Amino acid sequence: MQKQILIVASCLAMVFADVMVPKQDPKDKPREINWKVEDGVLNAYGRGTVFKDDNHKVDAYALLNKNLLDKNQPTSYGGKIDYNHLNSNSGASLKVLNSGPYGTSVGAEGTYNLFKDRTSSVDVGAGYQQRFGGMFGRSEPQFNAFVRGNF
């Protein structure tokens, strides 16, 4: 439990920290915080650009879901770190989501761009996800591979 709190706190710190983003594009927001209460559920989300230069970009995300009406529903919180190589549009991400009695989900994903032009792209990638702890115990690791196209 302490590890998950530390990971989420690190993601939150990166989101809210004063980060140095050289040559910022006006349409590219360095930090963004959204929250809403819908049907008694508080959803909070934060995103921040930790690092960006001409070739690399690192973003951090943090989220929180809390049911304000039903105290039996677990609070979910987590974080994600994304790395993007801007020239090749390839990247990697790590994510953690804790859902109280349902355990902690951990995942990693990598993508590689095979083709890109002005209107289309083709990517390949692979990922891993596994749940630890919780009332159902540890899950089997799930591995996946994909081909993604945008046209």
Protein backbone atom coordinates (compact mmCIF):
# COMPACT_ATOMS: atom_id res chain seq x y z
CA MET A 1 0.00 0.00 0.00
CA GLN A 2 2.82 2.39 0.83
CA LYS A 3 4.43 1.77 -2.56
CA GLN A 4 1.23 2.70 -4.40
CA ILE A 5 0.82 5.86 -2.36
CA LEU A 6 4.44 6.77 -3.11
CA ILE A 7 3.96 6.19 -6.85
CA VAL A 8 0.76 8.25 -6.96
CA ALA A 9 2.33 11.01 -4.86
CA SER A 10 5.29 11.09 -7.26
CA CYS A 11 2.94 11.43 -10.24
CA LEU A 12 1.02 14.21 -8.50
CA ALA A 13 4.27 15.99 -7.65
CA MET A 14 5.33 15.87 -11.30
CA VAL A 15 1.93 17.14 -12.44
CA PHE A 16 1.91 20.12 -10.08
CA ALA A 17 5.64 20.92 -10.06
CA ASP A 18 7.08 23.93 -11.82
CA VAL A 19 8.54 22.21 -14.82
CA MET A 20 10.79 23.69 -17.44
CA VAL A 21 9.33 23.40 -20.92
CA PRO A 22 11.47 25.18 -23.51
CA LYS A 23 9.99 26.43 -26.80
CA GLN A 24 6.42 25.85 -25.74
CA ASP A 25 3.73 25.69 -28.39
CA PRO A 26 0.77 27.89 -27.33
CA LYS A 27 -1.71 25.08 -28.07
CA ASP A 28 0.27 22.63 -25.88
CA LYS A 29 -0.77 23.07 -22.24
CA PRO A 30 1.99 22.25 -19.73
CA ARG A 31 -0.52 21.56 -16.91
CA GLU A 32 -4.17 20.70 -16.81
CA ILE A 33 -6.48 19.90 -13.89
CA ASN A 34 -10.08 18.75 -14.33
CA TRP A 35 -12.64 17.62 -11.81
CA LYS A 36 -16.36 17.02 -11.73
CA VAL A 37 -19.00 15.46 -9.50
CA GLU A 38 -21.49 13.34 -11.42
CA ASP A 39 -24.09 11.05 -9.81
CA GLY A 40 -22.35 11.49 -6.47
CA VAL A 41 -18.93 10.41 -7.78
CA LEU A 42 -15.98 12.79 -7.63
CA ASN A 43 -13.65 12.41 -10.62
CA ALA A 44 -10.40 14.37 -10.48
CA TYR A 45 -7.67 14.29 -13.14
CA GLY A 46 -4.36 16.07 -13.52
CA ARG A 47 -1.86 16.13 -16.36
CA GLY A 48 1.48 17.83 -16.62
CA THR A 49 4.34 18.00 -19.09
CA VAL A 50 7.42 17.14 -17.07
CA PHE A 51 9.97 17.57 -19.86
CA LYS A 52 9.86 18.59 -23.50
CA ASP A 53 12.49 19.46 -26.06
CA ASP A 54 12.73 19.09 -29.85
CA ASN A 55 12.92 15.28 -29.72
CA HIS A 56 11.47 14.06 -26.40
CA LYS A 57 8.39 14.62 -24.28
CA VAL A 58 7.52 13.21 -20.84
CA ASP A 59 4.01 13.63 -19.41
CA ALA A 60 2.69 12.62 -15.97
CA TYR A 61 -0.95 11.92 -15.14
CA ALA A 62 -2.79 11.41 -11.86
CA LEU A 63 -6.42 10.48 -11.22
CA LEU A 64 -8.83 10.01 -8.34
CA ASN A 65 -12.36 8.55 -8.29
CA LYS A 66 -14.34 8.75 -5.04
CA ASN A 67 -18.00 7.84 -4.50
CA LEU A 68 -19.33 10.49 -2.12
CA LEU A 69 -22.72 8.81 -1.60
CA ASP A 70 -21.77 5.15 -1.07
CA LYS A 71 -18.96 4.70 1.45
CA ASN A 72 -18.74 0.97 0.58
CA GLN A 73 -17.41 1.79 -2.88
CA PRO A 74 -13.60 1.92 -2.92
CA THR A 75 -11.67 5.04 -3.76
CA SER A 76 -9.57 4.54 -6.88
CA TYR A 77 -6.40 6.50 -7.47
CA GLY A 78 -3.47 6.09 -9.78
CA GLY A 79 -0.85 7.60 -11.98
CA LYS A 80 0.76 7.23 -15.38
CA ILE A 81 4.05 8.36 -16.92
CA ASP A 82 4.28 8.69 -20.73
CA TYR A 83 7.46 9.06 -22.77
CA ASN A 84 7.23 10.10 -26.42
CA HIS A 85 10.01 10.35 -28.99
CA LEU A 86 8.60 13.14 -31.14
CA ASN A 87 10.54 12.51 -34.35
CA SER A 88 9.48 8.86 -34.66
CA ASN A 89 6.19 9.17 -32.73
CA SER A 90 7.26 6.14 -30.69
CA GLY A 91 6.95 5.87 -26.96
CA ALA A 92 6.48 4.00 -23.72
CA SER A 93 4.20 4.31 -20.71
CA LEU A 94 3.96 2.98 -17.15
CA LYS A 95 0.73 3.07 -15.11
CA VAL A 96 -0.55 2.11 -11.66
CA LEU A 97 -4.18 2.11 -10.45
CA ASN A 98 -5.18 1.19 -6.89
CA SER A 99 -8.83 0.29 -6.25
CA GLY A 100 -8.74 -0.55 -2.55
CA PRO A 101 -10.11 -4.05 -1.89
CA TYR A 102 -9.88 -4.94 -5.60
CA GLY A 103 -6.10 -4.58 -5.60
CA THR A 104 -3.58 -2.64 -7.61
CA SER A 105 -3.29 -2.85 -11.38
CA VAL A 106 0.17 -2.27 -12.88
CA GLY A 107 0.85 -1.92 -16.59
CA ALA A 108 3.46 -1.02 -19.18
CA GLU A 109 3.18 -0.40 -22.91
CA GLY A 110 5.51 0.44 -25.77
CA THR A 111 4.71 1.59 -29.30
CA TYR A 112 6.78 2.01 -32.45
CA ASN A 113 5.69 4.00 -35.48
CA LEU A 114 6.13 2.15 -38.79
CA PHE A 115 4.66 4.76 -41.12
CA LYS A 116 3.44 8.32 -40.76
CA ASP A 117 2.38 11.04 -43.15
CA ARG A 118 0.08 14.06 -42.89
CA THR A 119 -3.18 12.10 -42.69
CA SER A 120 -2.35 8.55 -41.62
CA SER A 121 -0.07 6.42 -39.48
CA VAL A 122 0.59 2.77 -38.63
CA ASP A 123 1.97 1.72 -35.23
CA VAL A 124 2.90 -1.59 -33.62
CA GLY A 125 3.19 -2.15 -29.92
CA ALA A 126 3.22 -4.50 -26.98
CA GLY A 127 1.97 -4.28 -23.43
CA TYR A 128 1.83 -5.94 -20.04
CA GLN A 129 -0.75 -5.71 -17.25
CA GLN A 130 -1.21 -7.48 -13.92
CA ARG A 131 -3.28 -6.99 -10.78
CA PHE A 132 -1.71 -7.50 -7.36
CA GLY A 133 -3.49 -8.01 -4.05
CA GLY A 134 -7.12 -7.39 -3.33
CA MET A 135 -9.86 -9.84 -2.47
CA PHE A 136 -9.28 -11.88 -5.63
CA GLY A 137 -5.54 -12.18 -5.10
CA ARG A 138 -2.87 -11.80 -7.71
CA SER A 139 -3.90 -12.17 -11.35
CA GLU A 140 -1.96 -13.87 -14.09
CA PRO A 141 0.14 -11.45 -16.14
CA GLN A 142 -1.52 -10.36 -19.38
CA PHE A 143 0.66 -9.69 -22.40
CA ASN A 144 -0.64 -8.19 -25.62
CA ALA A 145 0.58 -7.01 -28.99
CA PHE A 146 -1.22 -4.77 -31.45
CA VAL A 147 -1.16 -3.05 -34.81
CA ARG A 148 -2.93 0.32 -34.86
CA GLY A 149 -3.76 2.41 -37.88
CA ASN A 150 -5.20 5.91 -38.25
CA PHE A 151 -6.41 6.93 -41.70
